[in-house]
Amino acid sequence: MEDKKADIFNCGKELFSSKGFKDTNVSDITKMAGIAVGTFYKYYSSKEKLFLEIFQNENVMLKQSIMKSVDLNEEPIRLIKKLMSLNISGMNSNPILREWYNRDVFSKIEQEYREDNGVAKFDFVYNIFFELVNQWQAEGKIRKDIDGELIMGFFLSIINIDNHKEEIGLQHFPHIIDYLAEFIMKGLMVE
């Protein structure tokens, strides 16, 4: 049984990576996996559910890779700028994670996630960074008077600005991300 689920997962990942979410359908996945369409629905109630599971898996792997590549004891402003930069480049280079920026696709998937897990549960995107924020607050490196979830909202807004880089101006965009991360961190630092 688990082999079939793994086959569906792996075939879905391959097809979503090569064709994108919108151009992949359940019959494509089942054909590649060598199973009946009905078998797919024994494991996943929809294409969106499969995609979200794949997306979450890819996201966790990216975050783990990022966290292994940085020195968590580095000065907070420099570290957060690195984390933001690595996250954006990692998402842009992964065809599954890049779907985050396709608002037509991801808003539908996000809605399903919220229905299944509740509004407050859509935090897997920054759970590792959230732990870091909590650690910095406990160590007195950043302000404690601002809720950790609000701080994460500041950083999530930087990531979402990527959806508007053409409107902002591509020539300025990388610098804007860098400065916004710096400005946010300077505002959070304990004086």
N, C-alpha and C. Protein backbone atom coordinates (compact mmCIF):
# COMPACT_ATOMS: atom_id res chain seq x y z
N MET A 1 0.82 -1.20 0.00
CA MET A 1 0.00 0.00 0.00
C MET A 1 0.86 1.26 0.00
N GLU A 2 1.85 1.31 0.89
CA GLU A 2 2.71 2.49 0.96
C GLU A 2 3.50 2.68 -0.32
N ASP A 3 3.79 1.57 -1.03
CA ASP A 3 4.50 1.68 -2.30
C ASP A 3 3.67 2.44 -3.31
N LYS A 4 2.37 2.19 -3.36
CA LYS A 4 1.50 2.89 -4.30
C LYS A 4 1.44 4.37 -3.96
N LYS A 5 1.33 4.68 -2.69
CA LYS A 5 1.30 6.08 -2.28
C LYS A 5 2.61 6.76 -2.65
N ALA A 6 3.73 6.09 -2.42
CA ALA A 6 5.03 6.65 -2.78
C ALA A 6 5.14 6.83 -4.29
N ASP A 7 4.61 5.88 -5.06
CA ASP A 7 4.62 6.01 -6.52
C ASP A 7 3.81 7.23 -6.97
N ILE A 8 2.63 7.38 -6.38
CA ILE A 8 1.80 8.54 -6.71
C ILE A 8 2.54 9.83 -6.37
N PHE A 9 3.11 9.87 -5.19
CA PHE A 9 3.86 11.05 -4.73
C PHE A 9 5.00 11.36 -5.71
N ASN A 10 5.81 10.35 -6.02
CA ASN A 10 6.98 10.57 -6.88
C ASN A 10 6.58 10.95 -8.31
N CYS A 11 5.56 10.30 -8.84
CA CYS A 11 5.09 10.64 -10.19
C CYS A 11 4.48 12.05 -10.20
N GLY A 12 3.72 12.35 -9.17
CA GLY A 12 3.16 13.70 -9.07
C GLY A 12 4.25 14.74 -9.00
N LYS A 13 5.26 14.48 -8.20
CA LYS A 13 6.38 15.43 -8.08
C LYS A 13 7.06 15.63 -9.43
N GLU A 14 7.31 14.55 -10.13
CA GLU A 14 7.96 14.65 -11.44
C GLU A 14 7.11 15.45 -12.43
N LEU A 15 5.82 15.14 -12.47
CA LEU A 15 4.94 15.84 -13.41
C LEU A 15 4.71 17.30 -13.02
N PHE A 16 4.51 17.58 -11.74
CA PHE A 16 4.34 18.96 -11.31
C PHE A 16 5.61 19.76 -11.61
N SER A 17 6.77 19.12 -11.46
CA SER A 17 8.04 19.80 -11.74
C SER A 17 8.21 20.11 -13.21
N SER A 18 7.82 19.17 -14.06
CA SER A 18 8.04 19.36 -15.49
C SER A 18 6.92 20.10 -16.20
N LYS A 19 5.68 19.87 -15.79
CA LYS A 19 4.53 20.46 -16.48
C LYS A 19 3.85 21.60 -15.72
N GLY A 20 4.12 21.69 -14.42
CA GLY A 20 3.44 22.68 -13.60
C GLY A 20 2.16 22.11 -13.03
N PHE A 21 1.62 22.79 -12.04
CA PHE A 21 0.41 22.33 -11.37
C PHE A 21 -0.79 22.33 -12.32
N LYS A 22 -1.01 23.44 -13.01
CA LYS A 22 -2.21 23.58 -13.84
C LYS A 22 -2.25 22.58 -14.99
N ASP A 23 -1.09 22.24 -15.56
CA ASP A 23 -1.05 21.37 -16.72
C ASP A 23 -0.89 19.89 -16.37
N THR A 24 -0.93 19.58 -15.09
CA THR A 24 -0.87 18.18 -14.65
C THR A 24 -2.24 17.80 -14.13
N ASN A 25 -2.73 16.64 -14.57
CA ASN A 25 -4.02 16.18 -14.03
C ASN A 25 -3.86 14.80 -13.42
N VAL A 26 -4.86 14.37 -12.71
CA VAL A 26 -4.81 13.10 -11.99
C VAL A 26 -4.55 11.94 -12.95
N SER A 27 -5.16 11.98 -14.13
CA SER A 27 -4.96 10.86 -15.06
C SER A 27 -3.51 10.80 -15.55
N ASP A 28 -2.84 11.95 -15.67
CA ASP A 28 -1.40 11.95 -16.02
C ASP A 28 -0.60 11.23 -14.94
N ILE A 29 -0.92 11.54 -13.70
CA ILE A 29 -0.19 10.96 -12.57
C ILE A 29 -0.43 9.46 -12.49
N THR A 30 -1.70 9.05 -12.62
CA THR A 30 -2.00 7.62 -12.50
C THR A 30 -1.44 6.82 -13.67
N LYS A 31 -1.44 7.42 -14.84
CA LYS A 31 -0.85 6.74 -16.01
C LYS A 31 0.64 6.50 -15.78
N MET A 32 1.34 7.54 -15.30
CA MET A 32 2.77 7.41 -15.05
C MET A 32 3.04 6.39 -13.94
N ALA A 33 2.18 6.38 -12.92
CA ALA A 33 2.35 5.47 -11.78
C ALA A 33 1.90 4.04 -12.10
N GLY A 34 1.17 3.88 -13.21
CA GLY A 34 0.68 2.55 -13.58
C GLY A 34 -0.44 2.05 -12.69
N ILE A 35 -1.30 2.97 -12.26
CA ILE A 35 -2.41 2.61 -11.38
C ILE A 35 -3.71 3.17 -11.96
N ALA A 36 -4.82 2.69 -11.43
CA ALA A 36 -6.13 3.20 -11.84
C ALA A 36 -6.40 4.53 -11.14
N VAL A 37 -7.21 5.37 -11.76
CA VAL A 37 -7.58 6.66 -11.19
C VAL A 37 -8.21 6.48 -9.81
N GLY A 38 -9.03 5.45 -9.66
CA GLY A 38 -9.67 5.18 -8.37
C GLY A 38 -8.65 4.93 -7.27
N THR A 39 -7.54 4.32 -7.61
CA THR A 39 -6.49 4.06 -6.63
C THR A 39 -5.89 5.36 -6.12
N PHE A 40 -5.75 6.33 -7.01
CA PHE A 40 -5.24 7.65 -6.61
C PHE A 40 -6.09 8.20 -5.47
N TYR A 41 -7.41 8.12 -5.64
CA TYR A 41 -8.32 8.71 -4.67
C TYR A 41 -8.39 7.95 -3.34
N LYS A 42 -7.82 6.77 -3.28
CA LYS A 42 -7.70 6.06 -2.01
C LYS A 42 -6.65 6.74 -1.13
N TYR A 43 -5.70 7.42 -1.76
CA TYR A 43 -4.59 8.03 -1.03
C TYR A 43 -4.69 9.55 -0.94
N TYR A 44 -5.25 10.17 -1.96
CA TYR A 44 -5.38 11.63 -2.00
C TYR A 44 -6.77 11.99 -2.50
N SER A 45 -7.42 12.90 -1.81
CA SER A 45 -8.78 13.27 -2.21
C SER A 45 -8.81 14.20 -3.41
N SER A 46 -7.65 14.78 -3.75
CA SER A 46 -7.60 15.69 -4.90
C SER A 46 -6.15 15.89 -5.35
N LYS A 47 -6.02 16.44 -6.53
CA LYS A 47 -4.71 16.82 -7.05
C LYS A 47 -4.08 17.87 -6.13
N GLU A 48 -4.91 18.77 -5.61
CA GLU A 48 -4.42 19.83 -4.73
C GLU A 48 -3.79 19.25 -3.46
N LYS A 49 -4.43 18.23 -2.90
CA LYS A 49 -3.90 17.60 -1.68
C LYS A 49 -2.53 16.97 -1.94
N LEU A 50 -2.40 16.30 -3.07
CA LEU A 50 -1.11 15.72 -3.42
C LEU A 50 -0.07 16.82 -3.60
N PHE A 51 -0.44 17.84 -4.35
CA PHE A 51 0.52 18.92 -4.59
C PHE A 51 0.95 19.57 -3.29
N LEU A 52 0.01 19.82 -2.39
CA LEU A 52 0.35 20.46 -1.12
C LEU A 52 1.31 19.59 -0.31
N GLU A 53 1.09 18.28 -0.32
CA GLU A 53 2.01 17.39 0.40
C GLU A 53 3.40 17.46 -0.21
N ILE A 54 3.48 17.47 -1.53
CA ILE A 54 4.77 17.59 -2.22
C ILE A 54 5.40 18.94 -1.91
N PHE A 55 4.59 20.00 -1.98
CA PHE A 55 5.09 21.35 -1.71
C PHE A 55 5.67 21.43 -0.30
N GLN A 56 4.93 20.92 0.67
CA GLN A 56 5.40 20.95 2.06
C GLN A 56 6.71 20.19 2.21
N ASN A 57 6.81 19.05 1.58
CA ASN A 57 8.03 18.25 1.64
C ASN A 57 9.21 19.02 1.05
N GLU A 58 9.00 19.61 -0.12
CA GLU A 58 10.06 20.39 -0.76
C GLU A 58 10.45 21.59 0.09
N ASN A 59 9.46 22.23 0.69
CA ASN A 59 9.70 23.40 1.52
C ASN A 59 10.53 23.04 2.75
N VAL A 60 10.18 21.94 3.38
CA VAL A 60 10.95 21.49 4.55
C VAL A 60 12.39 21.18 4.16
N MET A 61 12.57 20.51 3.03
CA MET A 61 13.94 20.19 2.58
C MET A 61 14.73 21.46 2.30
N LEU A 62 14.09 22.47 1.69
CA LEU A 62 14.77 23.73 1.43
C LEU A 62 15.18 24.39 2.75
N LYS A 63 14.24 24.48 3.68
CA LYS A 63 14.54 25.13 4.95
C LYS A 63 15.65 24.40 5.71
N GLN A 64 15.64 23.07 5.68
CA GLN A 64 16.70 22.31 6.35
C GLN A 64 18.05 22.58 5.69
N SER A 65 18.06 22.63 4.38
CA SER A 65 19.29 22.92 3.64
C SER A 65 19.81 24.31 3.98
N ILE A 66 18.91 25.27 4.02
CA ILE A 66 19.29 26.65 4.36
C ILE A 66 19.89 26.70 5.76
N MET A 67 19.21 26.07 6.71
CA MET A 67 19.67 26.14 8.09
C MET A 67 21.02 25.46 8.28
N LYS A 68 21.29 24.43 7.49
CA LYS A 68 22.60 23.76 7.57
C LYS A 68 23.70 24.61 6.96
N SER A 69 23.34 25.53 6.07
CA SER A 69 24.35 26.30 5.34
C SER A 69 24.72 27.62 6.01
N VAL A 70 24.06 27.96 7.11
CA VAL A 70 24.34 29.23 7.76
C VAL A 70 24.83 29.01 9.19
N ASP A 71 25.48 30.03 9.71
CA ASP A 71 25.93 30.02 11.10
C ASP A 71 24.88 30.74 11.93
N LEU A 72 24.13 30.00 12.73
CA LEU A 72 23.05 30.58 13.52
C LEU A 72 23.54 31.54 14.60
N ASN A 73 24.83 31.55 14.85
CA ASN A 73 25.39 32.46 15.84
C ASN A 73 25.85 33.77 15.20
N GLU A 74 25.70 33.86 13.90
CA GLU A 74 26.07 35.08 13.20
C GLU A 74 25.18 36.24 13.67
N GLU A 75 25.68 37.45 13.52
CA GLU A 75 24.95 38.65 13.92
C GLU A 75 23.57 38.63 13.26
N PRO A 76 22.48 38.87 14.03
CA PRO A 76 21.11 38.70 13.51
C PRO A 76 20.80 39.41 12.19
N ILE A 77 21.25 40.64 12.02
CA ILE A 77 20.93 41.36 10.77
C ILE A 77 21.54 40.63 9.58
N ARG A 78 22.80 40.28 9.68
CA ARG A 78 23.47 39.58 8.58
C ARG A 78 22.83 38.22 8.34
N LEU A 79 22.51 37.52 9.42
CA LEU A 79 21.92 36.19 9.29
C LEU A 79 20.55 36.24 8.62
N ILE A 80 19.69 37.16 9.05
CA ILE A 80 18.35 37.19 8.48
C ILE A 80 18.40 37.58 7.01
N LYS A 81 19.32 38.46 6.64
CA LYS A 81 19.46 38.82 5.23
C LYS A 81 19.88 37.59 4.40
N LYS A 82 20.79 36.79 4.95
CA LYS A 82 21.19 35.56 4.27
C LYS A 82 20.02 34.59 4.16
N LEU A 83 19.30 34.41 5.27
CA LEU A 83 18.17 33.49 5.27
C LEU A 83 17.13 33.89 4.23
N MET A 84 16.81 35.17 4.18
CA MET A 84 15.81 35.66 3.21
C MET A 84 16.30 35.44 1.79
N SER A 85 17.55 35.77 1.54
CA SER A 85 18.11 35.62 0.20
C SER A 85 18.14 34.15 -0.23
N LEU A 86 18.59 33.28 0.66
CA LEU A 86 18.65 31.86 0.35
C LEU A 86 17.25 31.29 0.13
N ASN A 87 16.28 31.75 0.91
CA ASN A 87 14.91 31.27 0.75
C ASN A 87 14.35 31.67 -0.60
N ILE A 88 14.51 32.93 -0.96
CA ILE A 88 13.98 33.40 -2.24
C ILE A 88 14.65 32.68 -3.40
N SER A 89 15.98 32.56 -3.37
CA SER A 89 16.66 31.89 -4.48
C SER A 89 16.30 30.40 -4.52
N GLY A 90 16.13 29.78 -3.35
CA GLY A 90 15.74 28.37 -3.31
C GLY A 90 14.35 28.14 -3.86
N MET A 91 13.43 29.03 -3.53
CA MET A 91 12.07 28.90 -4.05
C MET A 91 12.03 29.14 -5.55
N ASN A 92 12.81 30.11 -6.01
CA ASN A 92 12.82 30.41 -7.44
C ASN A 92 13.47 29.31 -8.27
N SER A 93 14.37 28.55 -7.67
CA SER A 93 15.07 27.52 -8.43
C SER A 93 14.38 26.15 -8.39
N ASN A 94 13.34 26.02 -7.57
CA ASN A 94 12.63 24.76 -7.45
C ASN A 94 11.26 24.90 -8.12
N PRO A 95 10.99 24.11 -9.17
CA PRO A 95 9.71 24.29 -9.89
C PRO A 95 8.47 24.04 -9.04
N ILE A 96 8.56 23.20 -8.04
CA ILE A 96 7.42 22.97 -7.14
C ILE A 96 7.22 24.20 -6.25
N LEU A 97 8.28 24.66 -5.62
CA LEU A 97 8.19 25.80 -4.72
C LEU A 97 7.90 27.10 -5.47
N ARG A 98 8.31 27.17 -6.71
CA ARG A 98 8.04 28.37 -7.52
C ARG A 98 6.54 28.59 -7.72
N GLU A 99 5.74 27.55 -7.58
CA GLU A 99 4.29 27.70 -7.70
C GLU A 99 3.72 28.63 -6.62
N TRP A 100 4.49 28.83 -5.54
CA TRP A 100 4.08 29.78 -4.49
C TRP A 100 3.81 31.15 -5.11
N TYR A 101 4.58 31.51 -6.13
CA TYR A 101 4.45 32.83 -6.75
C TYR A 101 3.36 32.87 -7.80
N ASN A 102 2.79 31.73 -8.15
CA ASN A 102 1.67 31.68 -9.08
C ASN A 102 0.40 31.78 -8.24
N ARG A 103 -0.05 32.99 -8.01
CA ARG A 103 -1.14 33.22 -7.07
C ARG A 103 -2.42 32.50 -7.48
N ASP A 104 -2.69 32.36 -8.78
CA ASP A 104 -3.89 31.63 -9.21
C ASP A 104 -3.86 30.20 -8.70
N VAL A 105 -2.70 29.59 -8.79
CA VAL A 105 -2.55 28.20 -8.35
C VAL A 105 -2.52 28.13 -6.84
N PHE A 106 -1.67 28.94 -6.23
CA PHE A 106 -1.43 28.73 -4.82
C PHE A 106 -2.58 29.20 -3.94
N SER A 107 -3.34 30.18 -4.38
CA SER A 107 -4.48 30.61 -3.55
C SER A 107 -5.49 29.48 -3.39
N LYS A 108 -5.67 28.69 -4.45
CA LYS A 108 -6.58 27.54 -4.38
C LYS A 108 -6.05 26.48 -3.41
N ILE A 109 -4.76 26.21 -3.49
CA ILE A 109 -4.15 25.20 -2.63
C ILE A 109 -4.12 25.70 -1.19
N GLU A 110 -3.79 26.97 -1.01
CA GLU A 110 -3.77 27.55 0.33
C GLU A 110 -5.15 27.47 0.98
N GLN A 111 -6.19 27.72 0.20
CA GLN A 111 -7.56 27.66 0.71
C GLN A 111 -7.88 26.25 1.21
N GLU A 112 -7.49 25.24 0.44
CA GLU A 112 -7.73 23.86 0.89
C GLU A 112 -6.97 23.56 2.18
N TYR A 113 -5.74 24.05 2.25
CA TYR A 113 -4.95 23.82 3.45
C TYR A 113 -5.63 24.46 4.66
N ARG A 114 -6.10 25.68 4.49
CA ARG A 114 -6.78 26.37 5.59
C ARG A 114 -8.05 25.63 6.02
N GLU A 115 -8.80 25.11 5.05
CA GLU A 115 -10.02 24.37 5.37
C GLU A 115 -9.71 23.12 6.17
N ASP A 116 -8.63 22.45 5.84
CA ASP A 116 -8.25 21.22 6.53
C ASP A 116 -7.61 21.48 7.89
N ASN A 117 -6.82 22.56 7.98
CA ASN A 117 -5.97 22.76 9.15
C ASN A 117 -6.28 24.00 9.96
N GLY A 118 -7.19 24.82 9.51
CA GLY A 118 -7.51 26.05 10.24
C GLY A 118 -6.68 27.22 9.75
N VAL A 119 -7.20 28.41 9.92
CA VAL A 119 -6.55 29.62 9.42
C VAL A 119 -5.17 29.81 10.03
N ALA A 120 -5.05 29.57 11.31
CA ALA A 120 -3.79 29.84 12.00
C ALA A 120 -2.71 28.80 11.69
N LYS A 121 -3.06 27.75 11.00
CA LYS A 121 -2.11 26.67 10.79
C LYS A 121 -1.25 26.84 9.55
N PHE A 122 -1.51 27.87 8.73
CA PHE A 122 -0.74 28.01 7.49
C PHE A 122 0.59 28.68 7.79
N ASP A 123 1.41 28.00 8.63
CA ASP A 123 2.68 28.58 9.05
C ASP A 123 3.86 27.70 8.72
N PHE A 124 3.65 26.64 7.93
CA PHE A 124 4.78 25.76 7.65
C PHE A 124 5.86 26.44 6.85
N VAL A 125 5.52 27.55 6.19
CA VAL A 125 6.49 28.25 5.36
C VAL A 125 7.65 28.77 6.19
N TYR A 126 7.38 29.21 7.41
CA TYR A 126 8.44 29.82 8.21
C TYR A 126 8.61 29.23 9.60
N ASN A 127 8.24 27.97 9.77
CA ASN A 127 8.33 27.40 11.12
C ASN A 127 9.75 27.38 11.65
N ILE A 128 10.73 27.13 10.79
CA ILE A 128 12.12 27.10 11.24
C ILE A 128 12.58 28.51 11.61
N PHE A 129 12.21 29.51 10.79
CA PHE A 129 12.59 30.88 11.09
C PHE A 129 11.90 31.37 12.35
N PHE A 130 10.69 30.91 12.58
CA PHE A 130 9.94 31.30 13.77
C PHE A 130 10.68 30.86 15.03
N GLU A 131 11.25 29.67 15.01
CA GLU A 131 12.02 29.17 16.14
C GLU A 131 13.24 30.06 16.39
N LEU A 132 13.85 30.52 15.31
CA LEU A 132 15.01 31.40 15.42
C LEU A 132 14.61 32.74 16.05
N VAL A 133 13.48 33.29 15.63
CA VAL A 133 12.98 34.54 16.20
C VAL A 133 12.74 34.36 17.70
N ASN A 134 12.10 33.26 18.08
CA ASN A 134 11.86 32.99 19.50
C ASN A 134 13.16 32.88 20.28
N GLN A 135 14.15 32.24 19.68
CA GLN A 135 15.45 32.09 20.33
C GLN A 135 16.10 33.47 20.53
N TRP A 136 16.08 34.31 19.50
CA TRP A 136 16.66 35.64 19.62
C TRP A 136 15.95 36.47 20.68
N GLN A 137 14.63 36.34 20.75
CA GLN A 137 13.90 37.06 21.79
C GLN A 137 14.31 36.56 23.18
N ALA A 138 14.42 35.25 23.35
CA ALA A 138 14.81 34.67 24.64
C ALA A 138 16.22 35.10 25.04
N GLU A 139 17.10 35.25 24.06
CA GLU A 139 18.48 35.66 24.33
C GLU A 139 18.64 37.17 24.46
N GLY A 140 17.55 37.92 24.24
CA GLY A 140 17.62 39.37 24.36
C GLY A 140 18.27 40.06 23.17
N LYS A 141 18.36 39.36 22.04
CA LYS A 141 18.98 39.95 20.86
C LYS A 141 18.01 40.83 20.07
N ILE A 142 16.72 40.50 20.15
CA ILE A 142 15.71 41.32 19.49
C ILE A 142 14.59 41.62 20.48
N ARG A 143 13.79 42.59 20.14
CA ARG A 143 12.72 43.07 21.02
C ARG A 143 11.75 41.95 21.40
N LYS A 144 11.35 41.98 22.65
CA LYS A 144 10.37 41.01 23.15
C LYS A 144 8.95 41.58 23.15
N ASP A 145 8.84 42.89 22.95
CA ASP A 145 7.53 43.54 23.02
C ASP A 145 6.72 43.38 21.74
N ILE A 146 7.31 42.75 20.74
CA ILE A 146 6.60 42.47 19.49
C ILE A 146 6.41 40.97 19.39
N ASP A 147 5.17 40.57 19.20
CA ASP A 147 4.84 39.15 19.11
C ASP A 147 5.62 38.48 17.99
N GLY A 148 6.10 37.27 18.24
CA GLY A 148 6.87 36.51 17.26
C GLY A 148 6.13 36.29 15.95
N GLU A 149 4.82 36.08 16.04
CA GLU A 149 4.04 35.87 14.82
C GLU A 149 3.97 37.14 13.98
N LEU A 150 3.91 38.29 14.64
CA LEU A 150 3.93 39.56 13.91
C LEU A 150 5.28 39.76 13.23
N ILE A 151 6.34 39.42 13.93
CA ILE A 151 7.67 39.50 13.34
C ILE A 151 7.74 38.62 12.09
N MET A 152 7.19 37.42 12.19
CA MET A 152 7.19 36.53 11.03
C MET A 152 6.38 37.14 9.89
N GLY A 153 5.31 37.87 10.21
CA GLY A 153 4.53 38.55 9.20
C GLY A 153 5.36 39.58 8.44
N PHE A 154 6.27 40.27 9.15
CA PHE A 154 7.15 41.22 8.47
C PHE A 154 7.97 40.49 7.40
N PHE A 155 8.54 39.34 7.78
CA PHE A 155 9.40 38.62 6.85
C PHE A 155 8.60 37.95 5.74
N LEU A 156 7.41 37.47 6.07
CA LEU A 156 6.55 36.88 5.05
C LEU A 156 6.17 37.94 4.02
N SER A 157 5.96 39.17 4.48
CA SER A 157 5.61 40.24 3.54
C SER A 157 6.76 40.50 2.57
N ILE A 158 8.00 40.36 3.03
CA ILE A 158 9.14 40.52 2.12
C ILE A 158 9.10 39.45 1.03
N ILE A 159 8.83 38.21 1.43
CA ILE A 159 8.75 37.13 0.46
C ILE A 159 7.63 37.39 -0.54
N ASN A 160 6.50 37.88 -0.05
CA ASN A 160 5.36 38.12 -0.94
C ASN A 160 5.58 39.31 -1.87
N ILE A 161 6.48 40.20 -1.51
CA ILE A 161 6.81 41.31 -2.41
C ILE A 161 7.37 40.78 -3.72
N ASP A 162 7.96 39.61 -3.67
CA ASP A 162 8.51 38.99 -4.88
C ASP A 162 7.45 38.87 -5.97
N ASN A 163 6.19 38.74 -5.57
CA ASN A 163 5.09 38.67 -6.55
C ASN A 163 4.92 39.97 -7.33
N HIS A 164 5.52 41.04 -6.85
CA HIS A 164 5.32 42.36 -7.46
C HIS A 164 6.63 42.97 -7.95
N LYS A 165 7.63 42.15 -8.18
CA LYS A 165 8.93 42.71 -8.54
C LYS A 165 8.91 43.47 -9.86
N GLU A 166 8.07 43.06 -10.81
CA GLU A 166 7.99 43.80 -12.07
C GLU A 166 7.42 45.19 -11.84
N GLU A 167 6.42 45.28 -10.96
CA GLU A 167 5.81 46.57 -10.65
C GLU A 167 6.79 47.47 -9.90
N ILE A 168 7.59 46.89 -9.03
CA ILE A 168 8.56 47.65 -8.23
C ILE A 168 9.71 48.11 -9.12
N GLY A 169 10.10 47.25 -10.04
CA GLY A 169 11.23 47.53 -10.91
C GLY A 169 12.31 46.49 -10.71
N LEU A 170 12.50 45.67 -11.72
CA LEU A 170 13.45 44.56 -11.62
C LEU A 170 14.87 45.04 -11.30
N GLN A 171 15.23 46.23 -11.79
CA GLN A 171 16.58 46.72 -11.57
C GLN A 171 16.83 47.03 -10.09
N HIS A 172 15.77 47.34 -9.34
CA HIS A 172 15.91 47.69 -7.93
C HIS A 172 15.57 46.53 -6.99
N PHE A 173 14.93 45.53 -7.52
CA PHE A 173 14.33 44.52 -6.66
C PHE A 173 15.28 43.81 -5.70
N PRO A 174 16.42 43.29 -6.16
CA PRO A 174 17.29 42.58 -5.19
C PRO A 174 17.74 43.49 -4.04
N HIS A 175 17.99 44.74 -4.34
CA HIS A 175 18.42 45.67 -3.30
C HIS A 175 17.28 45.99 -2.33
N ILE A 176 16.07 46.07 -2.86
CA ILE A 176 14.92 46.36 -2.00
C ILE A 176 14.72 45.25 -0.98
N ILE A 177 14.80 44.00 -1.43
CA ILE A 177 14.67 42.87 -0.50
C ILE A 177 15.73 42.94 0.58
N ASP A 178 16.96 43.18 0.17
CA ASP A 178 18.08 43.24 1.11
C ASP A 178 17.87 44.35 2.13
N TYR A 179 17.51 45.53 1.65
CA TYR A 179 17.31 46.66 2.56
C TYR A 179 16.10 46.48 3.47
N LEU A 180 15.02 45.93 2.94
CA LEU A 180 13.85 45.70 3.78
C LEU A 180 14.18 44.75 4.93
N ALA A 181 14.92 43.68 4.63
CA ALA A 181 15.32 42.74 5.68
C ALA A 181 16.18 43.47 6.72
N GLU A 182 17.10 44.30 6.23
CA GLU A 182 17.97 45.05 7.15
C GLU A 182 17.16 46.03 8.00
N PHE A 183 16.26 46.79 7.36
CA PHE A 183 15.47 47.77 8.09
C PHE A 183 14.58 47.12 9.14
N ILE A 184 13.99 45.99 8.79
CA ILE A 184 13.14 45.27 9.75
C ILE A 184 13.99 44.81 10.93
N MET A 185 15.13 44.23 10.64
CA MET A 185 15.98 43.73 11.73
C MET A 185 16.49 44.87 12.59
N LYS A 186 16.86 46.00 11.99
CA LYS A 186 17.32 47.14 12.80
C LYS A 186 16.20 47.62 13.72
N GLY A 187 14.97 47.60 13.24
CA GLY A 187 13.84 47.98 14.07
C GLY A 187 13.54 47.00 15.19
N LEU A 188 14.00 45.77 15.01
CA LEU A 188 13.74 44.73 16.02
C LEU A 188 14.88 44.61 17.04
N MET A 189 16.03 45.18 16.72
CA MET A 189 17.18 45.01 17.60
C MET A 189 16.97 45.72 18.93
N VAL A 190 17.49 45.11 19.97
CA VAL A 190 17.45 45.68 21.32
C VAL A 190 18.55 46.72 21.39
N GLU A 191 18.18 47.92 21.84
CA GLU A 191 19.19 49.00 21.92
C GLU A 191 19.98 48.95 23.18
